[in-house]
PDB file of N, CA and C in Angstrom:
ATOM      1  N   UNK A   1      93.462 250.673-104.911  1.00  0.00           N
ATOM      2  CA  UNK A   1      94.258 251.379-103.916  1.00  0.00           C
ATOM      3  C   UNK A   1      95.620 251.713-104.512  1.00  0.00           C
ATOM      4  N   UNK A   2      96.074 252.939-104.284  1.00  0.00           N
ATOM      5  CA  UNK A   2      97.337 253.415-104.817  1.00  0.00           C
ATOM      6  C   UNK A   2      98.510 252.860-104.018  1.00  0.00           C
ATOM      7  N   UNK A   3      99.517 252.402-104.706  1.00  0.00           N
ATOM      8  CA  UNK A   3     100.715 251.884-104.056  1.00  0.00           C
ATOM      9  C   UNK A   3     101.640 253.053-103.708  1.00  0.00           C
ATOM     10  N   UNK A   4     102.115 253.089-102.474  1.00  0.00           N
ATOM     11  CA  UNK A   4     103.004 254.152-102.040  1.00  0.00           C
ATOM     12  C   UNK A   4     104.438 253.651-102.010  1.00  0.00           C
ATOM     13  N   UNK A   5     105.378 254.585-102.224  1.00  0.00           N
ATOM     14  CA  UNK A   5     106.787 254.249-102.192  1.00  0.00           C
ATOM     15  C   UNK A   5     107.328 254.178-100.761  1.00  0.00           C
ATOM     16  N   UNK A   6     106.513 254.570 -99.791  1.00  0.00           N
ATOM     17  CA  UNK A   6     106.986 254.652 -98.417  1.00  0.00           C
ATOM     18  C   UNK A   6     105.854 254.322 -97.457  1.00  0.00           C
ATOM     19  N   UNK A   7     106.235 253.904 -96.239  1.00  0.00           N
ATOM     20  CA  UNK A   7     105.246 253.686 -95.200  1.00  0.00           C
ATOM     21  C   UNK A   7     105.129 254.902 -94.289  1.00  0.00           C
ATOM     22  N   UNK A   8     105.723 256.012 -94.688  1.00  0.00           N
ATOM     23  CA  UNK A   8     105.688 257.249 -93.911  1.00  0.00           C
ATOM     24  C   UNK A   8     104.307 257.882 -93.940  1.00  0.00           C
ATOM     25  N   UNK A   9     104.003 258.659 -92.924  1.00  0.00           N
ATOM     26  CA  UNK A   9     102.710 259.331 -92.837  1.00  0.00           C
ATOM     27  C   UNK A   9     102.644 260.519 -93.780  1.00  0.00           C
ATOM     28  N   UNK A  10     103.686 261.329 -93.815  1.00  0.00           N
ATOM     29  CA  UNK A  10     103.695 262.528 -94.634  1.00  0.00           C
ATOM     30  C   UNK A  10     104.447 262.267 -95.930  1.00  0.00           C
ATOM     31  N   UNK A  11     103.741 262.443 -97.042  1.00  0.00           N
ATOM     32  CA  UNK A  11     104.325 262.231 -98.362  1.00  0.00           C
ATOM     33  C   UNK A  11     104.037 263.442 -99.240  1.00  0.00           C
ATOM     34  N   UNK A  12     104.925 263.683-100.199  1.00  0.00           N
ATOM     35  CA  UNK A  12     104.674 264.777-101.134  1.00  0.00           C
ATOM     36  C   UNK A  12     103.780 264.298-102.272  1.00  0.00           C
ATOM     37  N   UNK A  13     103.584 265.165-103.272  1.00  0.00           N
ATOM     38  CA  UNK A  13     102.685 264.837-104.385  1.00  0.00           C
ATOM     39  C   UNK A  13     103.124 263.602-105.163  1.00  0.00           C
ATOM     40  N   UNK A  14     104.398 263.286-105.123  1.00  0.00           N
ATOM     41  CA  UNK A  14     104.930 262.134-105.862  1.00  0.00           C
ATOM     42  C   UNK A  14     104.869 260.843-105.037  1.00  0.00           C
ATOM     43  N   UNK A  15     104.401 260.940-103.789  1.00  0.00           N
ATOM     44  CA  UNK A  15     104.324 259.762-102.934  1.00  0.00           C
ATOM     45  C   UNK A  15     105.612 259.436-102.215  1.00  0.00           C
ATOM     46  N   UNK A  16     106.524 260.398-102.154  1.00  0.00           N
ATOM     47  CA  UNK A  16     107.790 260.183-101.445  1.00  0.00           C
ATOM     48  C   UNK A  16     107.832 261.058-100.197  1.00  0.00           C
ATOM     49  N   UNK A  17     108.573 260.628 -99.182  1.00  0.00           N
ATOM     50  CA  UNK A  17     108.656 261.433 -97.956  1.00  0.00           C
ATOM     51  C   UNK A  17     109.367 262.757 -98.229  1.00  0.00           C
ATOM     52  N   UNK A  18     108.934 263.841 -97.573  1.00  0.00           N
ATOM     53  CA  UNK A  18     109.637 265.115 -97.748  1.00  0.00           C
ATOM     54  C   UNK A  18     111.030 265.018 -97.139  1.00  0.00           C
ATOM     55  N   UNK A  19     111.934 265.828 -97.631  1.00  0.00           N
ATOM     56  CA  UNK A  19     113.293 265.841 -97.083  1.00  0.00           C
ATOM     57  C   UNK A  19     113.241 266.347 -95.648  1.00  0.00           C
ATOM     58  N   UNK A  20     114.041 265.763 -94.786  1.00  0.00           N
ATOM     59  CA  UNK A  20     113.994 266.110 -93.365  1.00  0.00           C
ATOM     60  C   UNK A  20     114.312 267.578 -93.101  1.00  0.00           C
ATOM     61  N   UNK A  21     115.019 268.243 -94.008  1.00  0.00           N
ATOM     62  CA  UNK A  21     115.342 269.651 -93.817  1.00  0.00           C
ATOM     63  C   UNK A  21     114.195 270.586 -94.194  1.00  0.00           C
ATOM     64  N   UNK A  22     113.072 270.040 -94.720  1.00  0.00           N
ATOM     65  CA  UNK A  22     111.982 270.902 -95.176  1.00  0.00           C
ATOM     66  C   UNK A  22     111.304 271.644 -94.023  1.00  0.00           C
ATOM     67  N   UNK A  23     111.480 271.195 -92.799  1.00  0.00           N
ATOM     68  CA  UNK A  23     110.910 271.882 -91.641  1.00  0.00           C
ATOM     69  C   UNK A  23     111.899 272.819 -90.950  1.00  0.00           C
ATOM     70  N   UNK A  24     113.162 272.727 -91.320  1.00  0.00           N
ATOM     71  CA  UNK A  24     114.184 273.487 -90.605  1.00  0.00           C
ATOM     72  C   UNK A  24     113.947 274.990 -90.651  1.00  0.00           C
ATOM     73  N   UNK A  25     113.763 275.560 -91.835  1.00  0.00           N
ATOM     74  CA  UNK A  25     113.594 277.010 -91.942  1.00  0.00           C
ATOM     75  C   UNK A  25     112.335 277.509 -91.227  1.00  0.00           C
ATOM     76  N   UNK A  26     111.167 276.876 -91.439  1.00  0.00           N
ATOM     77  CA  UNK A  26     109.982 277.336 -90.695  1.00  0.00           C
ATOM     78  C   UNK A  26     110.152 277.191 -89.181  1.00  0.00           C
ATOM     79  N   UNK A  27     110.810 276.112 -88.726  1.00  0.00           N
ATOM     80  CA  UNK A  27     111.023 275.899 -87.297  1.00  0.00           C
ATOM     81  C   UNK A  27     111.905 277.001 -86.720  1.00  0.00           C
ATOM     82  N   UNK A  28     113.018 277.296 -87.387  1.00  0.00           N
ATOM     83  CA  UNK A  28     113.936 278.336 -86.917  1.00  0.00           C
ATOM     84  C   UNK A  28     113.210 279.678 -86.853  1.00  0.00           C
ATOM     85  N   UNK A  29     112.406 279.992 -87.872  1.00  0.00           N
ATOM     86  CA  UNK A  29     111.663 281.255 -87.896  1.00  0.00           C
ATOM     87  C   UNK A  29     110.655 281.326 -86.746  1.00  0.00           C
ATOM     88  N   UNK A  30     109.958 280.223 -86.478  1.00  0.00           N
ATOM     89  CA  UNK A  30     108.961 280.209 -85.406  1.00  0.00           C
ATOM     90  C   UNK A  30     109.622 280.385 -84.045  1.00  0.00           C
ATOM     91  N   UNK A  31     110.729 279.684 -83.806  1.00  0.00           N
ATOM     92  CA  UNK A  31     111.432 279.792 -82.524  1.00  0.00           C
ATOM     93  C   UNK A  31     111.957 281.210 -82.338  1.00  0.00           C
ATOM     94  N   UNK A  32     112.495 281.796 -83.403  1.00  0.00           N
ATOM     95  CA  UNK A  32     113.009 283.166 -83.339  1.00  0.00           C
ATOM     96  C   UNK A  32     111.876 284.149 -83.035  1.00  0.00           C
ATOM     97  N   UNK A  33     110.724 283.965 -83.683  1.00  0.00           N
ATOM     98  CA  UNK A  33     109.571 284.846 -83.464  1.00  0.00           C
ATOM     99  C   UNK A  33     109.064 284.767 -82.026  1.00  0.00           C
ATOM    100  N   UNK A  34     109.192 283.598 -81.396  1.00  0.00           N
ATOM    101  CA  UNK A  34     108.753 283.434 -80.006  1.00  0.00           C
ATOM    102  C   UNK A  34     109.792 283.921 -79.007  1.00  0.00           C
ATOM    103  N   UNK A  35     111.011 284.176 -79.482  1.00  0.00           N
ATOM    104  CA  UNK A  35     112.058 284.666 -78.601  1.00  0.00           C
ATOM    105  C   UNK A  35     112.599 283.632 -77.642  1.00  0.00           C
ATOM    106  N   UNK A  36     112.528 282.362 -78.021  1.00  0.00           N
ATOM    107  CA  UNK A  36     113.032 281.299 -77.157  1.00  0.00           C
ATOM    108  C   UNK A  36     114.548 281.216 -77.273  1.00  0.00           C
ATOM    109  N   UNK A  37     115.221 281.244 -76.116  1.00  0.00           N
ATOM    110  CA  UNK A  37     116.672 281.159 -76.117  1.00  0.00           C
ATOM    111  C   UNK A  37     117.103 280.342 -74.896  1.00  0.00           C
ATOM    112  N   UNK A  38     117.955 279.348 -75.044  1.00  0.00           N
ATOM    113  CA  UNK A  38     118.502 278.874 -76.316  1.00  0.00           C
ATOM    114  C   UNK A  38     117.417 278.195 -77.141  1.00  0.00           C
ATOM    115  N   UNK A  39     117.599 278.227 -78.429  1.00  0.00           N
ATOM    116  CA  UNK A  39     116.585 277.728 -79.354  1.00  0.00           C
ATOM    117  C   UNK A  39     116.540 276.204 -79.366  1.00  0.00           C
ATOM    118  N   UNK A  40     115.351 275.621 -79.111  1.00  0.00           N
ATOM    119  CA  UNK A  40     115.222 274.162 -79.217  1.00  0.00           C
ATOM    120  C   UNK A  40     115.226 273.731 -80.682  1.00  0.00           C
ATOM    121  N   UNK A  41     115.654 272.524 -80.926  1.00  0.00           N
ATOM    122  CA  UNK A  41     115.683 271.986 -82.283  1.00  0.00           C
ATOM    123  C   UNK A  41     114.467 271.088 -82.506  1.00  0.00           C
ATOM    124  N   UNK A  42     114.254 270.675 -83.744  1.00  0.00           N
ATOM    125  CA  UNK A  42     113.174 269.736 -84.032  1.00  0.00           C
ATOM    126  C   UNK A  42     113.433 268.429 -83.288  1.00  0.00           C
ATOM    127  N   UNK A  43     114.669 268.059 -83.136  1.00  0.00           N
ATOM    128  CA  UNK A  43     115.004 266.847 -82.370  1.00  0.00           C
ATOM    129  C   UNK A  43     114.546 266.988 -80.917  1.00  0.00           C
ATOM    130  N   UNK A  44     114.698 268.183 -80.354  1.00  0.00           N
ATOM    131  CA  UNK A  44     114.211 268.431 -79.000  1.00  0.00           C
ATOM    132  C   UNK A  44     112.695 268.238 -78.938  1.00  0.00           C
ATOM    133  N   UNK A  45     111.988 268.682 -79.972  1.00  0.00           N
ATOM    134  CA  UNK A  45     110.543 268.493 -80.050  1.00  0.00           C
ATOM    135  C   UNK A  45     110.197 267.007 -80.052  1.00  0.00           C
ATOM    136  N   UNK A  46     110.970 266.199 -80.782  1.00  0.00           N
ATOM    137  CA  UNK A  46     110.760 264.745 -80.792  1.00  0.00           C
ATOM    138  C   UNK A  46     110.919 264.166 -79.385  1.00  0.00           C
ATOM    139  N   UNK A  47     111.914 264.665 -78.633  1.00  0.00           N
ATOM    140  CA  UNK A  47     112.136 264.169 -77.271  1.00  0.00           C
ATOM    141  C   UNK A  47     110.963 264.518 -76.361  1.00  0.00           C
ATOM    142  N   UNK A  48     110.404 265.717 -76.523  1.00  0.00           N
ATOM    143  CA  UNK A  48     109.237 266.099 -75.725  1.00  0.00           C
ATOM    144  C   UNK A  48     108.056 265.196 -76.074  1.00  0.00           C
ATOM    145  N   UNK A  49     107.848 264.944 -77.376  1.00  0.00           N
ATOM    146  CA  UNK A  49     106.748 264.064 -77.792  1.00  0.00           C
ATOM    147  C   UNK A  49     106.938 262.669 -77.198  1.00  0.00           C
ATOM    148  N   UNK A  50     108.154 262.144 -77.287  1.00  0.00           N
ATOM    149  CA  UNK A  50     108.409 260.797 -76.765  1.00  0.00           C
ATOM    150  C   UNK A  50     108.181 260.747 -75.257  1.00  0.00           C
ATOM    151  N   UNK A  51     108.610 261.786 -74.538  1.00  0.00           N
ATOM    152  CA  UNK A  51     108.378 261.839 -73.097  1.00  0.00           C
ATOM    153  C   UNK A  51     106.890 261.780 -72.790  1.00  0.00           C
ATOM    154  N   UNK A  52     106.093 262.548 -73.526  1.00  0.00           N
ATOM    155  CA  UNK A  52     104.649 262.535 -73.305  1.00  0.00           C
ATOM    156  C   UNK A  52     104.029 261.194 -73.702  1.00  0.00           C
ATOM    157  N   UNK A  53     104.562 260.553 -74.729  1.00  0.00           N
ATOM    158  CA  UNK A  53     104.063 259.231 -75.127  1.00  0.00           C
ATOM    159  C   UNK A  53     104.332 258.209 -74.023  1.00  0.00           C
ATOM    160  N   UNK A  54     105.523 258.269 -73.444  1.00  0.00           N
ATOM    161  CA  UNK A  54     105.857 257.357 -72.341  1.00  0.00           C
ATOM    162  C   UNK A  54     104.945 257.632 -71.155  1.00  0.00           C
ATOM    163  N   UNK A  55     104.796 258.906 -70.783  1.00  0.00           N
ATOM    164  CA  UNK A  55     103.944 259.273 -69.646  1.00  0.00           C
ATOM    165  C   UNK A  55     102.482 258.895 -69.887  1.00  0.00           C
ATOM    166  N   UNK A  56     102.064 258.860 -71.164  1.00  0.00           N
ATOM    167  CA  UNK A  56     100.684 258.498 -71.508  1.00  0.00           C
ATOM    168  C   UNK A  56     100.478 256.994 -71.532  1.00  0.00           C
ATOM    169  N   UNK A  57     101.562 256.232 -71.377  1.00  0.00           N
ATOM    170  CA  UNK A  57     101.466 254.781 -71.365  1.00  0.00           C
ATOM    171  C   UNK A  57     101.392 254.160 -72.750  1.00  0.00           C
ATOM    172  N   UNK A  58     101.875 254.873 -73.767  1.00  0.00           N
ATOM    173  CA  UNK A  58     101.829 254.341 -75.130  1.00  0.00           C
ATOM    174  C   UNK A  58     102.708 253.098 -75.247  1.00  0.00           C
ATOM    175  N   UNK A  59     102.216 252.109 -75.958  1.00  0.00           N
ATOM    176  CA  UNK A  59     102.932 250.877 -76.229  1.00  0.00           C
ATOM    177  C   UNK A  59     104.305 251.187 -76.843  1.00  0.00           C
ATOM    178  N   UNK A  60     105.335 250.520 -76.347  1.00  0.00           N
ATOM    179  CA  UNK A  60     106.707 250.752 -76.798  1.00  0.00           C
ATOM    180  C   UNK A  60     106.848 250.610 -78.312  1.00  0.00           C
ATOM    181  N   UNK A  61     106.323 249.515 -78.870  1.00  0.00           N
ATOM    182  CA  UNK A  61     106.498 249.262 -80.304  1.00  0.00           C
ATOM    183  C   UNK A  61     105.788 250.314 -81.165  1.00  0.00           C
ATOM    184  N   UNK A  62     104.604 250.742 -80.738  1.00  0.00           N
ATOM    185  CA  UNK A  62     103.883 251.779 -81.479  1.00  0.00           C
ATOM    186  C   UNK A  62     104.648 253.095 -81.395  1.00  0.00           C
ATOM    187  N   UNK A  63     105.096 253.451 -80.203  1.00  0.00           N
ATOM    188  CA  UNK A  63     105.841 254.700 -80.010  1.00  0.00           C
ATOM    189  C   UNK A  63     107.095 254.735 -80.878  1.00  0.00           C
ATOM    190  N   UNK A  64     107.853 253.656 -80.859  1.00  0.00           N
ATOM    191  CA  UNK A  64     109.092 253.626 -81.626  1.00  0.00           C
ATOM    192  C   UNK A  64     108.823 253.640 -83.136  1.00  0.00           C
ATOM    193  N   UNK A  65     107.739 253.032 -83.560  1.00  0.00           N
ATOM    194  CA  UNK A  65     107.379 253.047 -84.981  1.00  0.00           C
ATOM    195  C   UNK A  65     107.015 254.456 -85.415  1.00  0.00           C
ATOM    196  N   UNK A  66     106.228 255.162 -84.603  1.00  0.00           N
ATOM    197  CA  UNK A  66     105.864 256.546 -84.932  1.00  0.00           C
ATOM    198  C   UNK A  66     107.105 257.413 -85.044  1.00  0.00           C
ATOM    199  N   UNK A  67     108.076 257.187 -84.181  1.00  0.00           N
ATOM    200  CA  UNK A  67     109.313 257.967 -84.209  1.00  0.00           C
ATOM    201  C   UNK A  67     110.255 257.552 -85.338  1.00  0.00           C
ATOM    202  N   UNK A  68     109.909 256.478 -86.033  1.00  0.00           N
ATOM    203  CA  UNK A  68     110.756 256.030 -87.133  1.00  0.00           C
ATOM    204  C   UNK A  68     111.886 255.135 -86.706  1.00  0.00           C
ATOM    205  N   UNK A  69     111.821 254.584 -85.496  1.00  0.00           N
ATOM    206  CA  UNK A  69     112.876 253.708 -84.995  1.00  0.00           C
ATOM    207  C   UNK A  69     112.625 252.242 -85.311  1.00  0.00           C
ATOM    208  N   UNK A  70     111.535 251.960 -85.993  1.00  0.00           N
ATOM    209  CA  UNK A  70     111.199 250.579 -86.337  1.00  0.00           C
ATOM    210  C   UNK A  70     110.697 250.539 -87.776  1.00  0.00           C
ATOM    211  N   UNK A  71     110.792 249.400 -88.391  1.00  0.00           N
ATOM    212  CA  UNK A  71     110.371 249.285 -89.783  1.00  0.00           C
ATOM    213  C   UNK A  71     108.900 248.952 -89.932  1.00  0.00           C
ATOM    214  N   UNK A  72     108.266 248.528 -88.877  1.00  0.00           N
ATOM    215  CA  UNK A  72     106.848 248.201 -88.938  1.00  0.00           C
ATOM    216  C   UNK A  72     106.308 247.973 -87.555  1.00  0.00           C
ATOM    217  N   UNK A  73     105.006 247.961 -87.424  1.00  0.00           N
ATOM    218  CA  UNK A  73     104.406 247.767 -86.114  1.00  0.00           C
ATOM    219  C   UNK A  73     104.236 246.270 -85.878  1.00  0.00           C
ATOM    220  N   UNK A  74     105.336 245.646 -85.552  1.00  0.00           N
ATOM    221  CA  UNK A  74     105.343 244.210 -85.251  1.00  0.00           C
ATOM    222  C   UNK A  74     106.359 243.989 -84.143  1.00  0.00           C
ATOM    223  N   UNK A  75     106.119 243.029 -83.337  1.00  0.00           N
ATOM    224  CA  UNK A  75     107.055 242.767 -82.259  1.00  0.00           C
ATOM    225  C   UNK A  75     106.901 241.366 -81.722  1.00  0.00           C
ATOM    226  N   UNK A  76     107.409 241.173 -80.526  1.00  0.00           N
ATOM    227  CA  UNK A  76     107.421 239.852 -79.920  1.00  0.00           C
ATOM    228  C   UNK A  76     106.016 239.299 -79.690  1.00  0.00           C
ATOM    229  N   UNK A  77     105.033 240.172 -79.544  1.00  0.00           N
ATOM    230  CA  UNK A  77     103.676 239.730 -79.235  1.00  0.00           C
ATOM    231  C   UNK A  77     102.747 239.837 -80.428  1.00  0.00           C
ATOM    232  N   UNK A  78     103.292 239.955 -81.618  1.00  0.00           N
ATOM    233  CA  UNK A  78     102.452 239.994 -82.812  1.00  0.00           C
ATOM    234  C   UNK A  78     102.375 241.369 -83.433  1.00  0.00           C
ATOM    235  N   UNK A  79     101.604 241.448 -84.489  1.00  0.00           N
ATOM    236  CA  UNK A  79     101.468 242.674 -85.265  1.00  0.00           C
ATOM    237  C   UNK A  79     100.402 243.566 -84.639  1.00  0.00           C
ATOM    238  N   UNK A  80     100.683 244.850 -84.565  1.00  0.00           N
ATOM    239  CA  UNK A  80      99.713 245.827 -84.073  1.00  0.00           C
ATOM    240  C   UNK A  80      98.831 246.237 -85.246  1.00  0.00           C
ATOM    241  N   UNK A  81      97.566 246.469 -84.974  1.00  0.00           N
ATOM    242  CA  UNK A  81      96.638 246.861 -86.039  1.00  0.00           C
ATOM    243  C   UNK A  81      96.604 248.374 -86.202  1.00  0.00           C
ATOM    244  N   UNK A  82      96.008 248.825 -87.296  1.00  0.00           N
ATOM    245  CA  UNK A  82      95.802 250.255 -87.488  1.00  0.00           C
ATOM    246  C   UNK A  82      94.965 250.819 -86.345  1.00  0.00           C
ATOM    247  N   UNK A  83      93.996 250.030 -85.893  1.00  0.00           N
ATOM    248  CA  UNK A  83      93.143 250.481 -84.783  1.00  0.00           C
ATOM    249  C   UNK A  83      93.969 250.654 -83.510  1.00  0.00           C
ATOM    250  N   UNK A  84      94.955 249.765 -83.274  1.00  0.00           N
ATOM    251  CA  UNK A  84      95.845 249.926 -82.117  1.00  0.00           C
ATOM    252  C   UNK A  84      96.593 251.256 -82.207  1.00  0.00           C
ATOM    253  N   UNK A  85      97.074 251.584 -83.391  1.00  0.00           N
ATOM    254  CA  UNK A  85      97.799 252.830 -83.616  1.00  0.00           C
ATOM    255  C   UNK A  85      96.891 254.037 -83.350  1.00  0.00           C
ATOM    256  N   UNK A  86      95.686 254.013 -83.893  1.00  0.00           N
ATOM    257  CA  UNK A  86      94.742 255.113 -83.707  1.00  0.00           C
ATOM    258  C   UNK A  86      94.403 255.290 -82.232  1.00  0.00           C
ATOM    259  N   UNK A  87      94.145 254.196 -81.540  1.00  0.00           N
ATOM    260  CA  UNK A  87      93.811 254.262 -80.110  1.00  0.00           C
ATOM    261  C   UNK A  87      94.980 254.825 -79.295  1.00  0.00           C
ATOM    262  N   UNK A  88      96.190 254.424 -79.636  1.00  0.00           N
ATOM    263  CA  UNK A  88      97.370 254.913 -78.918  1.00  0.00           C
ATOM    264  C   UNK A  88      97.539 256.411 -79.120  1.00  0.00           C
ATOM    265  N   UNK A  89      97.339 256.884 -80.330  1.00  0.00           N
ATOM    266  CA  UNK A  89      97.464 258.319 -80.610  1.00  0.00           C
ATOM    267  C   UNK A  89      96.352 259.091 -79.910  1.00  0.00           C
ATOM    268  N   UNK A  90      95.123 258.568 -79.948  1.00  0.00           N
ATOM    269  CA  UNK A  90      93.999 259.230 -79.284  1.00  0.00           C
ATOM    270  C   UNK A  90      94.191 259.307 -77.775  1.00  0.00           C
ATOM    271  N   UNK A  91      94.929 258.359 -77.207  1.00  0.00           N
ATOM    272  CA  UNK A  91      95.132 258.326 -75.755  1.00  0.00           C
ATOM    273  C   UNK A  91      96.263 259.233 -75.282  1.00  0.00           C
ATOM    274  N   UNK A  92      96.970 259.862 -76.216  1.00  0.00           N
ATOM    275  CA  UNK A  92      98.073 260.751 -75.836  1.00  0.00           C
ATOM    276  C   UNK A  92      97.564 261.897 -74.978  1.00  0.00           C
ATOM    277  N   UNK A  93      98.342 262.225 -73.944  1.00  0.00           N
ATOM    278  CA  UNK A  93      98.038 263.351 -73.075  1.00  0.00           C
ATOM    279  C   UNK A  93      99.241 264.292 -73.088  1.00  0.00           C
ATOM    280  N   UNK A  94      98.943 265.585 -73.018  1.00  0.00           N
ATOM    281  CA  UNK A  94     100.021 266.564 -73.031  1.00  0.00           C
ATOM    282  C   UNK A  94      99.983 267.468 -71.804  1.00  0.00           C
ATOM    283  N   UNK A  95      99.124 267.146 -70.858  1.00  0.00           N
ATOM    284  CA  UNK A  95      99.013 267.933 -69.627  1.00  0.00           C
ATOM    285  C   UNK A  95      99.541 267.127 -68.445  1.00  0.00           C
ATOM    286  N   UNK A  96     100.680 266.496 -68.642  1.00  0.00           N
ATOM    287  CA  UNK A  96     101.230 265.593 -67.636  1.00  0.00           C
ATOM    288  C   UNK A  96     102.388 266.225 -66.873  1.00  0.00           C
ATOM    289  N   UNK A  97     102.383 267.527 -66.799  1.00  0.00           N
ATOM    290  CA  UNK A  97     103.445 268.215 -66.074  1.00  0.00           C
ATOM    291  C   UNK A  97     104.495 268.772 -67.005  1.00  0.00           C
ATOM    292  N   UNK A  98     105.362 269.529 -66.425  1.00  0.00           N
ATOM    293  CA  UNK A  98     106.413 270.205 -67.186  1.00  0.00           C
ATOM    294  C   UNK A  98     107.429 269.189 -67.702  1.00  0.00           C
ATOM    295  N   UNK A  99     107.817 269.347 -68.950  1.00  0.00           N
ATOM    296  CA  UNK A  99     108.835 268.488 -69.548  1.00  0.00           C
ATOM    297  C   UNK A  99     110.112 269.301 -69.691  1.00  0.00           C
ATOM    298  N   UNK A 100     111.152 268.856 -69.043  1.00  0.00           N
ATOM    299  CA  UNK A 100     112.431 269.556 -69.126  1.00  0.00           C
ATOM    300  C   UNK A 100     113.151 269.116 -70.387  1.00  0.00           C
ATOM    301  N   UNK A 101     113.648 270.086 -71.124  1.00  0.00           N
ATOM    302  CA  UNK A 101     114.414 269.797 -72.339  1.00  0.00           C
ATOM    303  C   UNK A 101     115.858 270.196 -72.075  1.00  0.00           C
ATOM    304  N   UNK A 102     116.731 269.258 -72.212  1.00  0.00           N
ATOM    305  CA  UNK A 102     118.160 269.568 -72.062  1.00  0.00           C
ATOM    306  C   UNK A 102     118.734 269.755 -73.450  1.00  0.00           C
ATOM    307  N   UNK A 103     119.018 270.977 -73.777  1.00  0.00           N
ATOM    308  CA  UNK A 103     119.488 271.302 -75.117  1.00  0.00           C
ATOM    309  C   UNK A 103     120.980 271.028 -75.232  1.00  0.00           C
ATOM    310  N   UNK A 104     121.326 270.304 -76.268  1.00  0.00           N
ATOM    311  CA  UNK A 104     122.734 270.022 -76.553  1.00  0.00           C
ATOM    312  C   UNK A 104     123.326 271.236 -77.261  1.00  0.00           C
ATOM    313  N   UNK A 105     124.453 271.666 -76.849  1.00  0.00           N
ATOM    314  CA  UNK A 105     125.109 272.808 -77.469  1.00  0.00           C
ATOM    315  C   UNK A 105     126.430 272.365 -78.059  1.00  0.00           C
ATOM    316  N   UNK A 106     126.700 272.854 -79.252  1.00  0.00           N
ATOM    317  CA  UNK A 106     127.970 272.543 -79.901  1.00  0.00           C
ATOM    318  C   UNK A 106     129.089 273.310 -79.216  1.00  0.00           C
ATOM    319  N   UNK A 107     130.243 272.674 -79.104  1.00  0.00           N
ATOM    320  CA  UNK A 107     131.403 273.344 -78.536  1.00  0.00           C
ATOM    321  C   UNK A 107     131.859 274.443 -79.485  1.00  0.00           C
ATOM    322  N   UNK A 108     132.195 275.583 -78.931  1.00  0.00           N
ATOM    323  CA  UNK A 108     132.630 276.718 -79.776  1.00  0.00           C
ATOM    324  C   UNK A 108     134.110 276.902 -79.718  1.00  0.00           C
TER     325      UNK A 108
END
């Protein structure tokens, strides 16, 4: 088994996580092409995902680990298995009603 430099899901050819800005240009282009105004950010997308994870009843520790807010899937009640992670992702629902996004705007 190959040793990875990271516990991240998405890695480049060298086994390192891609730079967080690698999605910025494609995201901006996609939002512009859809004509969405004001334009949501990738962070806004994370908030929508987290809202749906909460509404789907996803375990707190698994949800926070997926979002990168934890160093591993372990908590007060023990370690979560890979199967726990897979089941939590499979149980996600996205038809749980409208999700309001409050976009933060920089002061001009």
